[in-house]
N, C-alpha and C. Protein backbone atom coordinates (compact mmCIF):
# COMPACT_ATOMS: atom_id res chain seq x y z
N MET A 1 -64.17 -29.58 16.30
CA MET A 1 -63.35 -30.37 15.50
C MET A 1 -62.95 -29.45 14.30
N SER A 2 -61.70 -29.42 13.92
CA SER A 2 -61.19 -28.76 12.88
C SER A 2 -60.70 -29.61 11.80
N TYR A 3 -60.81 -29.09 10.55
CA TYR A 3 -60.41 -29.91 9.28
C TYR A 3 -58.90 -29.53 9.11
N GLN A 4 -58.05 -30.61 8.80
CA GLN A 4 -56.75 -30.43 8.51
C GLN A 4 -56.56 -30.92 7.04
N GLN A 5 -55.73 -30.25 6.39
CA GLN A 5 -55.39 -30.65 4.99
C GLN A 5 -54.54 -31.83 5.06
N PRO A 6 -54.89 -32.99 4.20
CA PRO A 6 -54.06 -34.18 4.17
C PRO A 6 -52.67 -33.90 3.79
N PRO A 7 -51.63 -34.75 4.31
CA PRO A 7 -50.34 -34.56 3.86
C PRO A 7 -50.10 -34.29 2.30
N GLN A 8 -48.93 -33.73 2.02
CA GLN A 8 -48.70 -33.30 0.62
C GLN A 8 -48.85 -34.68 -0.35
N ASN A 9 -48.39 -35.80 0.12
CA ASN A 9 -48.45 -36.89 -0.94
C ASN A 9 -49.77 -37.66 -0.84
N ASP A 10 -50.72 -37.29 0.04
CA ASP A 10 -52.00 -38.08 0.07
C ASP A 10 -52.91 -37.78 -1.09
N PRO A 11 -53.45 -38.77 -1.68
CA PRO A 11 -54.28 -38.54 -2.89
C PRO A 11 -55.56 -37.87 -2.61
N ARG A 12 -56.03 -37.71 -1.31
CA ARG A 12 -57.21 -37.04 -0.99
C ARG A 12 -57.00 -35.58 -0.94
N ARG A 13 -55.73 -35.16 -0.96
CA ARG A 13 -55.44 -33.74 -0.81
C ARG A 13 -56.12 -32.90 -2.04
N VAL A 14 -56.73 -31.76 -1.69
CA VAL A 14 -57.37 -31.01 -2.62
C VAL A 14 -56.35 -30.19 -3.33
N PRO A 15 -56.31 -30.19 -4.62
CA PRO A 15 -55.23 -29.49 -5.28
C PRO A 15 -55.50 -27.91 -5.29
N GLN A 16 -54.45 -27.21 -4.95
CA GLN A 16 -54.58 -25.79 -4.90
C GLN A 16 -54.10 -25.16 -6.20
N PRO A 17 -54.75 -24.01 -6.57
CA PRO A 17 -54.33 -23.27 -7.81
C PRO A 17 -52.81 -22.84 -7.63
N ALA A 18 -52.25 -22.83 -8.84
CA ALA A 18 -50.76 -22.27 -8.91
C ALA A 18 -50.76 -21.04 -8.23
N ALA A 19 -49.42 -20.70 -7.76
CA ALA A 19 -49.23 -19.27 -7.11
C ALA A 19 -49.67 -18.14 -8.14
N ASP A 20 -49.40 -18.26 -9.39
CA ASP A 20 -49.61 -17.22 -10.38
C ASP A 20 -51.33 -17.34 -10.85
N ALA A 21 -51.98 -18.27 -10.52
CA ALA A 21 -53.29 -18.38 -10.85
C ALA A 21 -53.99 -17.47 -9.76
N ASP A 22 -54.29 -16.14 -10.15
CA ASP A 22 -54.51 -15.19 -9.07
C ASP A 22 -55.98 -14.70 -8.89
N SER A 23 -56.94 -15.24 -9.74
CA SER A 23 -58.27 -14.91 -9.41
C SER A 23 -59.30 -15.93 -9.90
N GLU A 24 -60.16 -16.17 -8.84
CA GLU A 24 -61.33 -17.12 -9.07
C GLU A 24 -62.46 -16.37 -9.47
N THR A 25 -63.24 -16.79 -10.46
CA THR A 25 -64.35 -16.06 -10.96
C THR A 25 -65.63 -16.60 -10.34
N PRO A 26 -66.72 -15.93 -10.44
CA PRO A 26 -67.98 -16.37 -10.04
C PRO A 26 -68.47 -17.60 -10.77
N SER A 27 -67.95 -17.81 -11.93
CA SER A 27 -68.32 -18.88 -12.64
C SER A 27 -67.54 -20.21 -12.38
N GLY A 28 -66.61 -20.07 -11.45
CA GLY A 28 -65.79 -21.17 -11.03
C GLY A 28 -64.61 -21.43 -11.87
N LEU A 29 -64.20 -20.32 -12.71
CA LEU A 29 -62.97 -20.43 -13.40
C LEU A 29 -61.76 -19.74 -12.66
N THR A 30 -60.71 -20.14 -12.88
CA THR A 30 -59.53 -19.56 -12.40
C THR A 30 -58.65 -19.04 -13.52
N VAL A 31 -58.28 -17.74 -13.42
CA VAL A 31 -57.60 -17.16 -14.54
C VAL A 31 -56.00 -17.04 -14.06
N ASN A 32 -55.22 -17.47 -14.96
CA ASN A 32 -53.79 -17.25 -14.76
C ASN A 32 -53.46 -15.95 -15.57
N THR A 33 -53.47 -14.88 -14.87
CA THR A 33 -53.42 -13.53 -15.47
C THR A 33 -52.05 -13.47 -16.35
N GLY A 34 -50.94 -13.85 -15.74
CA GLY A 34 -49.67 -13.70 -16.40
C GLY A 34 -49.56 -14.47 -17.76
N ARG A 35 -50.16 -15.64 -17.77
CA ARG A 35 -50.24 -16.42 -18.95
C ARG A 35 -51.16 -15.77 -20.03
N LEU A 36 -52.34 -15.45 -19.50
CA LEU A 36 -53.26 -14.83 -20.56
C LEU A 36 -52.72 -13.51 -21.07
N TRP A 37 -52.02 -12.60 -20.34
CA TRP A 37 -51.54 -11.41 -20.91
C TRP A 37 -50.17 -11.58 -21.78
N ALA A 38 -49.38 -12.56 -21.31
CA ALA A 38 -48.26 -13.00 -22.07
C ALA A 38 -48.65 -13.32 -23.44
N GLY A 39 -49.75 -14.24 -23.49
CA GLY A 39 -50.36 -14.65 -24.84
C GLY A 39 -50.93 -13.40 -25.57
N GLY A 40 -51.54 -12.55 -24.87
CA GLY A 40 -52.08 -11.31 -25.40
C GLY A 40 -51.02 -10.41 -26.10
N VAL A 41 -49.82 -10.31 -25.36
CA VAL A 41 -48.69 -9.57 -26.02
C VAL A 41 -48.12 -10.18 -27.27
N ALA A 42 -48.13 -11.58 -27.11
CA ALA A 42 -47.57 -12.36 -28.28
C ALA A 42 -48.64 -12.26 -29.47
N THR A 43 -49.81 -12.30 -29.16
CA THR A 43 -50.98 -12.10 -30.16
C THR A 43 -50.80 -10.66 -30.73
N ALA A 44 -50.57 -9.65 -29.95
CA ALA A 44 -50.26 -8.36 -30.60
C ALA A 44 -49.23 -8.20 -31.59
N VAL A 45 -48.06 -9.02 -31.33
CA VAL A 45 -47.00 -9.03 -32.22
C VAL A 45 -47.44 -9.75 -33.54
N VAL A 46 -48.15 -10.95 -33.46
CA VAL A 46 -48.64 -11.58 -34.65
C VAL A 46 -49.53 -10.67 -35.42
N ALA A 47 -50.55 -10.10 -34.79
CA ALA A 47 -51.51 -9.25 -35.42
C ALA A 47 -50.89 -8.08 -36.12
N GLY A 48 -49.82 -7.51 -35.56
CA GLY A 48 -49.14 -6.41 -36.27
C GLY A 48 -48.41 -6.95 -37.55
N LEU A 49 -47.82 -8.15 -37.42
CA LEU A 49 -47.15 -8.74 -38.50
C LEU A 49 -48.19 -9.15 -39.58
N ALA A 50 -49.26 -9.73 -39.19
CA ALA A 50 -50.39 -9.97 -40.10
C ALA A 50 -50.77 -8.87 -40.94
N ALA A 51 -50.97 -7.69 -40.26
CA ALA A 51 -51.29 -6.43 -40.96
C ALA A 51 -50.22 -5.99 -42.04
N VAL A 52 -48.96 -6.26 -41.52
CA VAL A 52 -47.91 -5.90 -42.54
C VAL A 52 -47.91 -6.86 -43.72
N VAL A 53 -48.11 -8.08 -43.43
CA VAL A 53 -48.17 -9.12 -44.55
C VAL A 53 -49.33 -8.83 -45.47
N GLY A 54 -50.45 -8.49 -44.92
CA GLY A 54 -51.64 -8.07 -45.80
C GLY A 54 -51.39 -7.00 -46.71
N LEU A 55 -50.74 -5.95 -45.99
CA LEU A 55 -50.35 -4.85 -46.99
C LEU A 55 -49.30 -5.09 -47.97
N LEU A 56 -48.31 -5.93 -47.61
CA LEU A 56 -47.31 -6.34 -48.63
C LEU A 56 -48.06 -7.06 -49.69
N VAL A 57 -48.87 -7.93 -49.45
CA VAL A 57 -49.45 -8.71 -50.50
C VAL A 57 -50.36 -7.89 -51.49
N PHE A 58 -51.23 -7.11 -50.79
CA PHE A 58 -52.18 -6.27 -51.73
C PHE A 58 -51.40 -5.03 -52.40
N ARG A 59 -50.64 -4.34 -51.59
CA ARG A 59 -50.05 -3.08 -52.20
C ARG A 59 -48.75 -3.48 -52.92
N GLY A 60 -47.98 -4.41 -52.31
CA GLY A 60 -46.63 -4.79 -53.03
C GLY A 60 -46.82 -5.65 -54.20
N VAL A 61 -47.54 -6.69 -54.03
CA VAL A 61 -47.67 -7.74 -55.12
C VAL A 61 -48.75 -7.30 -56.11
N PHE A 62 -49.96 -6.90 -55.54
CA PHE A 62 -51.11 -6.70 -56.58
C PHE A 62 -51.29 -5.23 -56.95
N ASP A 63 -50.58 -4.30 -56.22
CA ASP A 63 -50.62 -2.87 -56.43
C ASP A 63 -52.13 -2.53 -56.26
N ILE A 64 -52.68 -2.95 -55.18
CA ILE A 64 -54.11 -2.56 -54.84
C ILE A 64 -54.03 -1.77 -53.41
N ALA A 65 -54.61 -0.71 -53.38
CA ALA A 65 -54.57 0.23 -52.08
C ALA A 65 -55.52 -0.59 -51.07
N VAL A 66 -55.10 -0.50 -49.85
CA VAL A 66 -55.97 -0.88 -48.63
C VAL A 66 -56.32 0.35 -47.94
N LEU A 67 -57.65 0.47 -47.69
CA LEU A 67 -58.21 1.65 -47.13
C LEU A 67 -58.66 1.52 -45.73
N VAL A 68 -58.52 2.56 -44.97
CA VAL A 68 -59.14 2.60 -43.62
C VAL A 68 -59.83 3.81 -43.42
N PRO A 69 -60.91 3.82 -42.47
CA PRO A 69 -61.57 5.05 -42.27
C PRO A 69 -60.62 6.10 -41.50
N SER A 70 -60.75 7.44 -42.00
CA SER A 70 -59.87 8.35 -41.47
C SER A 70 -60.62 9.49 -40.69
N GLY A 71 -61.95 9.31 -40.45
CA GLY A 71 -62.73 10.25 -39.74
C GLY A 71 -63.61 11.11 -40.71
N GLY A 72 -64.66 11.56 -40.19
CA GLY A 72 -65.43 12.51 -40.95
C GLY A 72 -66.04 11.84 -42.26
N GLY A 73 -66.23 10.41 -42.24
CA GLY A 73 -66.75 9.85 -43.43
C GLY A 73 -65.68 9.65 -44.50
N ARG A 74 -64.37 10.02 -44.31
CA ARG A 74 -63.41 9.86 -45.31
C ARG A 74 -62.65 8.64 -45.07
N TRP A 75 -62.08 7.90 -46.16
CA TRP A 75 -61.16 6.84 -46.12
C TRP A 75 -59.90 7.13 -46.79
N ASP A 76 -58.85 6.78 -46.24
CA ASP A 76 -57.54 7.02 -46.74
C ASP A 76 -56.65 5.63 -46.92
N VAL A 77 -55.79 5.76 -47.88
CA VAL A 77 -54.80 4.58 -48.04
C VAL A 77 -54.09 4.52 -46.62
N VAL A 78 -53.94 3.23 -46.23
CA VAL A 78 -53.28 3.01 -44.86
C VAL A 78 -51.85 3.10 -45.07
N SER A 79 -51.24 3.49 -43.85
CA SER A 79 -49.87 3.65 -43.75
C SER A 79 -49.45 2.30 -42.89
N THR A 80 -48.37 1.66 -43.24
CA THR A 80 -47.95 0.42 -42.77
C THR A 80 -47.64 0.34 -41.27
N ILE A 81 -46.80 1.21 -40.64
CA ILE A 81 -46.63 1.26 -39.23
C ILE A 81 -47.86 1.53 -38.36
N PRO A 82 -48.45 2.59 -38.64
CA PRO A 82 -49.75 2.85 -37.76
C PRO A 82 -50.79 1.79 -37.91
N PHE A 83 -50.81 1.13 -39.11
CA PHE A 83 -51.90 -0.05 -39.22
C PHE A 83 -51.42 -1.11 -38.44
N ALA A 84 -50.16 -1.50 -38.43
CA ALA A 84 -49.68 -2.57 -37.63
C ALA A 84 -49.80 -2.21 -36.15
N LEU A 85 -49.59 -1.02 -35.71
CA LEU A 85 -49.74 -0.72 -34.30
C LEU A 85 -51.31 -0.78 -33.95
N VAL A 86 -52.15 -0.32 -34.73
CA VAL A 86 -53.58 -0.49 -34.43
C VAL A 86 -54.05 -1.97 -34.41
N ALA A 87 -53.46 -2.88 -35.24
CA ALA A 87 -53.74 -4.31 -35.19
C ALA A 87 -53.29 -4.84 -33.80
N ALA A 88 -52.08 -4.48 -33.46
CA ALA A 88 -51.49 -4.86 -32.20
C ALA A 88 -52.34 -4.35 -31.02
N GLY A 89 -52.72 -3.07 -31.02
CA GLY A 89 -53.61 -2.57 -30.06
C GLY A 89 -54.91 -3.26 -30.01
N GLY A 90 -55.50 -3.69 -31.22
CA GLY A 90 -56.71 -4.55 -31.27
C GLY A 90 -56.50 -5.85 -30.54
N ALA A 91 -55.32 -6.40 -30.60
CA ALA A 91 -55.05 -7.74 -30.03
C ALA A 91 -55.09 -7.52 -28.36
N LEU A 92 -54.46 -6.39 -27.97
CA LEU A 92 -54.41 -6.21 -26.52
C LEU A 92 -55.93 -5.84 -26.05
N LEU A 93 -56.61 -5.19 -26.81
CA LEU A 93 -57.97 -4.81 -26.46
C LEU A 93 -58.85 -6.17 -26.41
N ALA A 94 -58.60 -7.08 -27.31
CA ALA A 94 -59.23 -8.36 -27.29
C ALA A 94 -58.90 -9.12 -26.03
N THR A 95 -57.71 -9.07 -25.70
CA THR A 95 -57.22 -9.73 -24.43
C THR A 95 -57.89 -9.18 -23.24
N ALA A 96 -57.97 -7.79 -23.18
CA ALA A 96 -58.72 -7.19 -22.07
C ALA A 96 -60.17 -7.76 -22.06
N LEU A 97 -60.72 -7.76 -23.24
CA LEU A 97 -62.10 -8.26 -23.26
C LEU A 97 -62.32 -9.64 -22.84
N MET A 98 -61.38 -10.38 -23.22
CA MET A 98 -61.47 -11.90 -22.79
C MET A 98 -61.30 -11.97 -21.32
N HIS A 99 -60.32 -11.16 -20.68
CA HIS A 99 -60.09 -11.20 -19.35
C HIS A 99 -61.48 -10.71 -18.60
N LEU A 100 -61.97 -9.70 -18.99
CA LEU A 100 -63.19 -9.11 -18.46
C LEU A 100 -64.35 -10.12 -18.35
N LEU A 101 -64.52 -10.72 -19.62
CA LEU A 101 -65.62 -11.77 -19.84
C LEU A 101 -65.39 -12.97 -18.94
N VAL A 102 -64.12 -13.39 -18.79
CA VAL A 102 -63.83 -14.60 -17.78
C VAL A 102 -64.19 -14.08 -16.48
N LEU A 103 -63.91 -12.93 -16.10
CA LEU A 103 -64.23 -12.49 -14.73
C LEU A 103 -65.69 -12.29 -14.50
N ALA A 104 -66.52 -11.87 -15.45
CA ALA A 104 -67.81 -11.43 -15.27
C ALA A 104 -69.03 -12.15 -15.81
N THR A 105 -68.64 -13.12 -16.81
CA THR A 105 -69.83 -13.77 -17.44
C THR A 105 -69.84 -15.29 -17.30
N PRO A 106 -70.96 -15.89 -17.40
CA PRO A 106 -71.04 -17.29 -17.05
C PRO A 106 -70.39 -18.13 -18.34
N ARG A 107 -70.42 -17.69 -19.52
CA ARG A 107 -69.85 -18.46 -20.70
C ARG A 107 -68.87 -17.44 -21.49
N PRO A 108 -67.75 -17.21 -20.83
CA PRO A 108 -67.01 -16.18 -21.40
C PRO A 108 -66.47 -16.52 -22.88
N ARG A 109 -66.08 -17.68 -23.27
CA ARG A 109 -65.70 -18.12 -24.53
C ARG A 109 -66.75 -17.91 -25.55
N LEU A 110 -67.99 -18.18 -25.16
CA LEU A 110 -69.17 -18.13 -26.10
C LEU A 110 -69.32 -16.64 -26.49
N PHE A 111 -69.27 -15.76 -25.39
CA PHE A 111 -69.51 -14.45 -25.67
C PHE A 111 -68.38 -13.80 -26.46
N PHE A 112 -67.14 -14.19 -26.19
CA PHE A 112 -65.94 -13.76 -26.89
C PHE A 112 -66.01 -14.12 -28.35
N GLY A 113 -66.47 -15.29 -28.66
CA GLY A 113 -66.53 -15.85 -30.00
C GLY A 113 -67.62 -15.05 -30.78
N TRP A 114 -68.81 -14.79 -30.18
CA TRP A 114 -69.70 -13.99 -30.81
C TRP A 114 -69.33 -12.52 -31.08
N ILE A 115 -68.69 -11.99 -30.18
CA ILE A 115 -68.17 -10.54 -30.34
C ILE A 115 -67.15 -10.53 -31.39
N MET A 116 -66.25 -11.46 -31.51
CA MET A 116 -65.29 -11.50 -32.61
C MET A 116 -65.79 -11.79 -33.90
N VAL A 117 -66.81 -12.68 -33.97
CA VAL A 117 -67.55 -12.98 -35.30
C VAL A 117 -68.20 -11.68 -35.76
N LEU A 118 -68.80 -10.87 -34.99
CA LEU A 118 -69.41 -9.68 -35.34
C LEU A 118 -68.52 -8.56 -35.72
N VAL A 119 -67.29 -8.52 -35.05
CA VAL A 119 -66.30 -7.63 -35.40
C VAL A 119 -65.74 -7.97 -36.71
N GLY A 120 -65.57 -9.22 -36.95
CA GLY A 120 -65.11 -9.76 -38.22
C GLY A 120 -66.00 -9.36 -39.49
N VAL A 121 -67.45 -9.59 -39.21
CA VAL A 121 -68.40 -9.10 -40.17
C VAL A 121 -68.32 -7.56 -40.52
N ILE A 122 -68.13 -6.84 -39.41
CA ILE A 122 -67.92 -5.36 -39.57
C ILE A 122 -66.88 -5.07 -40.52
N ALA A 123 -65.72 -5.72 -40.09
CA ALA A 123 -64.39 -5.45 -40.77
C ALA A 123 -64.50 -5.92 -42.25
N GLY A 124 -65.44 -6.98 -42.51
CA GLY A 124 -65.57 -7.50 -43.91
C GLY A 124 -66.60 -6.63 -44.72
N VAL A 125 -67.53 -6.03 -44.05
CA VAL A 125 -68.62 -5.38 -44.83
C VAL A 125 -68.32 -3.74 -44.94
N LEU A 126 -67.68 -3.36 -43.98
CA LEU A 126 -67.49 -1.87 -43.87
C LEU A 126 -66.77 -1.35 -45.21
N PRO A 127 -65.76 -1.88 -45.76
CA PRO A 127 -65.21 -1.34 -46.96
C PRO A 127 -66.12 -1.33 -48.16
N PHE A 128 -67.25 -2.18 -48.08
CA PHE A 128 -68.14 -2.20 -49.22
C PHE A 128 -69.23 -1.03 -49.09
N THR A 129 -69.20 -0.27 -48.13
CA THR A 129 -69.99 0.87 -47.88
C THR A 129 -69.62 2.11 -48.44
N ILE A 130 -68.32 2.13 -49.05
CA ILE A 130 -67.71 3.34 -49.64
C ILE A 130 -67.66 3.15 -51.18
N ASN A 131 -67.59 4.39 -51.87
CA ASN A 131 -67.66 4.34 -53.30
C ASN A 131 -66.22 4.36 -53.81
N VAL A 132 -65.49 3.10 -53.83
CA VAL A 132 -64.18 3.18 -54.41
C VAL A 132 -64.14 1.90 -55.33
N GLU A 133 -63.01 1.59 -55.94
CA GLU A 133 -62.95 0.37 -56.85
C GLU A 133 -63.17 -0.88 -56.00
N THR A 134 -63.78 -1.83 -56.79
CA THR A 134 -64.03 -3.14 -56.01
C THR A 134 -62.75 -3.82 -55.58
N SER A 135 -61.72 -3.69 -56.26
CA SER A 135 -60.44 -4.39 -55.80
C SER A 135 -60.04 -3.73 -54.47
N GLU A 136 -60.15 -2.51 -54.22
CA GLU A 136 -59.76 -1.90 -53.06
C GLU A 136 -60.73 -2.25 -51.93
N GLN A 137 -61.94 -2.44 -52.28
CA GLN A 137 -62.94 -2.83 -51.21
C GLN A 137 -62.60 -4.20 -50.80
N VAL A 138 -62.27 -5.12 -51.74
CA VAL A 138 -62.01 -6.58 -51.38
C VAL A 138 -60.67 -6.51 -50.63
N ALA A 139 -59.67 -5.90 -51.08
CA ALA A 139 -58.38 -5.87 -50.28
C ALA A 139 -58.54 -5.39 -48.94
N SER A 140 -59.27 -4.27 -48.69
CA SER A 140 -59.44 -3.70 -47.35
C SER A 140 -60.27 -4.65 -46.52
N ALA A 141 -61.24 -5.45 -47.14
CA ALA A 141 -62.09 -6.30 -46.26
C ALA A 141 -61.18 -7.61 -45.94
N VAL A 142 -60.50 -8.09 -46.99
CA VAL A 142 -59.66 -9.27 -46.60
C VAL A 142 -58.64 -9.12 -45.55
N VAL A 143 -57.96 -7.87 -45.70
CA VAL A 143 -56.97 -7.67 -44.62
C VAL A 143 -57.59 -7.43 -43.16
N GLY A 144 -58.65 -6.72 -43.19
CA GLY A 144 -59.32 -6.46 -41.97
C GLY A 144 -59.88 -7.83 -41.21
N VAL A 145 -60.49 -8.74 -42.10
CA VAL A 145 -60.93 -10.02 -41.57
C VAL A 145 -59.74 -10.95 -41.20
N LEU A 146 -58.67 -10.92 -42.01
CA LEU A 146 -57.57 -11.65 -41.56
C LEU A 146 -57.06 -11.31 -40.16
N ILE A 147 -56.92 -9.94 -39.93
CA ILE A 147 -56.46 -9.56 -38.57
C ILE A 147 -57.51 -9.99 -37.54
N VAL A 148 -58.60 -9.79 -37.78
CA VAL A 148 -59.70 -10.37 -36.81
C VAL A 148 -59.63 -11.72 -36.50
N VAL A 149 -59.43 -12.61 -37.41
CA VAL A 149 -59.38 -14.02 -37.37
C VAL A 149 -58.10 -14.40 -36.51
N VAL A 150 -57.01 -13.71 -36.86
CA VAL A 150 -55.70 -13.96 -36.22
C VAL A 150 -55.93 -13.67 -34.70
N ILE A 151 -56.47 -12.50 -34.45
CA ILE A 151 -56.59 -12.11 -33.02
C ILE A 151 -57.62 -12.94 -32.26
N ALA A 152 -58.71 -13.24 -33.06
CA ALA A 152 -59.68 -14.24 -32.26
C ALA A 152 -59.21 -15.55 -31.97
N SER A 153 -58.50 -16.22 -32.88
CA SER A 153 -58.05 -17.59 -32.73
C SER A 153 -56.98 -17.66 -31.76
N LEU A 154 -56.03 -16.51 -31.71
CA LEU A 154 -54.94 -16.58 -30.81
C LEU A 154 -55.33 -16.32 -29.34
N VAL A 155 -56.21 -15.26 -29.25
CA VAL A 155 -56.73 -14.84 -27.82
C VAL A 155 -57.50 -16.17 -27.17
N SER A 156 -58.35 -16.66 -28.05
CA SER A 156 -59.19 -17.80 -27.56
C SER A 156 -58.24 -18.97 -27.35
N SER A 157 -57.37 -19.29 -27.99
CA SER A 157 -56.34 -20.40 -27.64
C SER A 157 -55.57 -20.07 -26.45
N THR A 158 -55.18 -18.86 -26.24
CA THR A 158 -54.39 -18.46 -24.98
C THR A 158 -55.36 -18.65 -23.88
N ALA A 159 -56.61 -18.19 -24.05
CA ALA A 159 -57.55 -18.31 -22.88
C ALA A 159 -57.71 -19.84 -22.49
N ASP A 160 -57.68 -20.68 -23.47
CA ASP A 160 -57.83 -22.11 -23.23
C ASP A 160 -56.93 -22.60 -22.31
N ARG A 161 -55.75 -22.03 -22.42
CA ARG A 161 -54.42 -22.46 -21.58
C ARG A 161 -54.38 -21.69 -20.29
N ALA A 162 -54.93 -20.50 -20.25
CA ALA A 162 -54.75 -19.65 -19.08
C ALA A 162 -55.98 -19.67 -18.14
N VAL A 163 -57.12 -20.23 -18.56
CA VAL A 163 -58.33 -20.24 -17.77
C VAL A 163 -58.61 -21.74 -17.49
N THR A 164 -58.90 -22.06 -16.21
CA THR A 164 -59.12 -23.43 -15.87
C THR A 164 -60.31 -23.39 -14.98
N VAL A 165 -60.93 -24.66 -14.78
CA VAL A 165 -61.93 -24.79 -13.83
C VAL A 165 -61.27 -24.90 -12.50
N ALA A 166 -61.78 -24.02 -11.59
CA ALA A 166 -61.27 -24.02 -10.24
C ALA A 166 -61.65 -25.41 -9.32
N PRO A 167 -60.74 -25.81 -8.60
CA PRO A 167 -61.10 -26.99 -7.91
C PRO A 167 -62.16 -26.67 -6.86
N PRO A 168 -63.09 -27.65 -6.47
CA PRO A 168 -64.04 -27.27 -5.53
C PRO A 168 -63.48 -26.90 -4.15
N ALA A 169 -64.26 -25.98 -3.55
CA ALA A 169 -63.68 -25.62 -2.21
C ALA A 169 -64.48 -26.47 -1.19
N TYR A 170 -63.67 -26.97 -0.32
CA TYR A 170 -64.23 -27.82 0.82
C TYR A 170 -64.33 -27.13 2.05
């Protein structure tokens, strides 16, 4: 005896994932990869713009330098375009991390949240490990944490819309 799927309009019909929901995970989640990555690209744009806004506020309004590590233990004043591109790249990296966590871990949103909190702490504390003016330390920390918060909140929200619980297999 073989099982046949009920007709299209039968309420007993098991819903099938959308055509672009392309991978079911071991945790029972289904990832709409296109939606997740479209949100990741949009997050990259917003993160880059958040970096520019942070620099405009601190450098343009308050005349306070924002510093970034430049290698070899040195810190330099950040350049706007490279900083915005690094922020955008961070958003894409966070999207890849979320995608990997959804595919491989039992509680992807929990792990992503903790990873982003710890990255935010690093971004907030690292400027205070160098010997520069306190105003520059604060400005660098605020801009770094702002970017992490933007990325974390947008990637998490995107995942909420792109990751769903898969229907049970019969």
